[in-house]
């Protein structure tokens, strides 16, 4: 047992830290020797080992600080134990004993920690993946695909089925070109969310991967290629695009009147406003004009915006390299779903059920006995895995819609914009805005509407209080006070 509250001596702290490191190393070896039966078990083991290694790193840093002994406290403690700091060794011993007794007298109910409580177990690990991600085997980019096709500069993908469009997107989303027309803030926001998802997926699916070092290396490489200038290649479309390092393309209309040299090298030429001045004093006066200063500011903002956009594109392409296996698996999975029949899907599900022992009983259930089991376009019951994936067995009730039941999360979220819910909101005399999303009871909707109206009234313009009037002598009054004084003839 180890006492948590009492720091004890520095030597005892060092001994305790060494003990923790040894226990964690032993636990790591035991986990790695266990054979993971499923892919999910492998992910959970990796997360547990990552926790162990993180704790080992923390304890190692604390030990390094103790052995560094910058304040000399550890050396003084060793000298005190050896009796070199004072000739009376017994007085030091009894002083230390008195301190320990006094400490335990103040804290009689001292809590202790068992060594096994310090080390997490497999049951303490929770890793969340969506149904499409398949416990880290595939990427789930559906919401990014929907954003992508709605971007202003994107040409619509040839319209086949939704999965076919999504499959095309999986092949091109990490490839970029040098055409930046109409790629504004919406495009940068889309890139940022896509990069964040890839980093989060990498963290969940590969916890032992040195993510921080890889991201730092990406940042350093981008700074180097940004200084040298780079363009995206236009060939090898089937491979992940890598930036072509080289001089940036020269700006348009860069030659002088004689056809030689760069326009920016000519004297008295303003590259921001693209104007040539004959006299130097006119050029110097132009540099102080608001129009020129505005052009300089816009050019700097555009340069920063372009750098951020290129940085996100570069980072996404590098992250796609790290997740090449998952991307290919995702494309194969989508193609299989398009080509498989119902019997093939059922056979694969049965095979997965045998491998996933922890979920076998739940997966082997048949849809028989379920009331209102949904059917597909062909009139046949939909696959049971699809029924569970969309949570169609979960009931959501909405009081505003007259206690109507909605089965599945998707149907529940969609109903807020449908006629039934909108009619219920109109009956309550409440606008059906985004503020009332996820609100299903009438009391909650009415109370929220009152609160929103109160907040809007506080922010609204009140002419009687906030409008000011001034008399001939320069005195300032509110509108109400001014009208009262004017009515009394005092102004």
Foldseek 3Di string as FASTA:
>chain_A
DDFDPDPPALVVLLVVLVVLLVVLVVVLVVLVVDDDLDLLSVLLSLVLNLVSVVSNVVSVVVNVVSVVCPVVRVVVVVCLCVCNVDVPNVVSVVVVVVVVVVVCVVPVPGDDDDSVVVRDDSVVDDFDDAPLCVSLLADDCVVLLVLQCPQPVDDHDPDDPPLVSVLVCLQPVLADFDDCPSCDPSVLVSLVVLLVSLLVSCCSSRVPPPSVVVVVVLVVVLVVQVVQDWGWDPPPSRDQIATGRHHHDDDPPQADPVRDGGVVPDPLAQPLVRDRDDDPVVSVVVCPDPVNVVSVVVVVVVVVVVSSSVSSSNSSSVSCVVCVSNSVSSSVVSVCVVPDDPVVVVVVLQVVLVSPVVCNVVSPDDPPPDPPQDPDPVRHGDDPVVCVSQQQVDWDFAVLLVRDIHGGPVRLQVCLPDDSNCVSCVVVVHHSDPVCRPPRDPVVRVVVRVVVVVVVVVVDDDQQAPPWDADPVGDIDGPVVVVVCVVVVVD
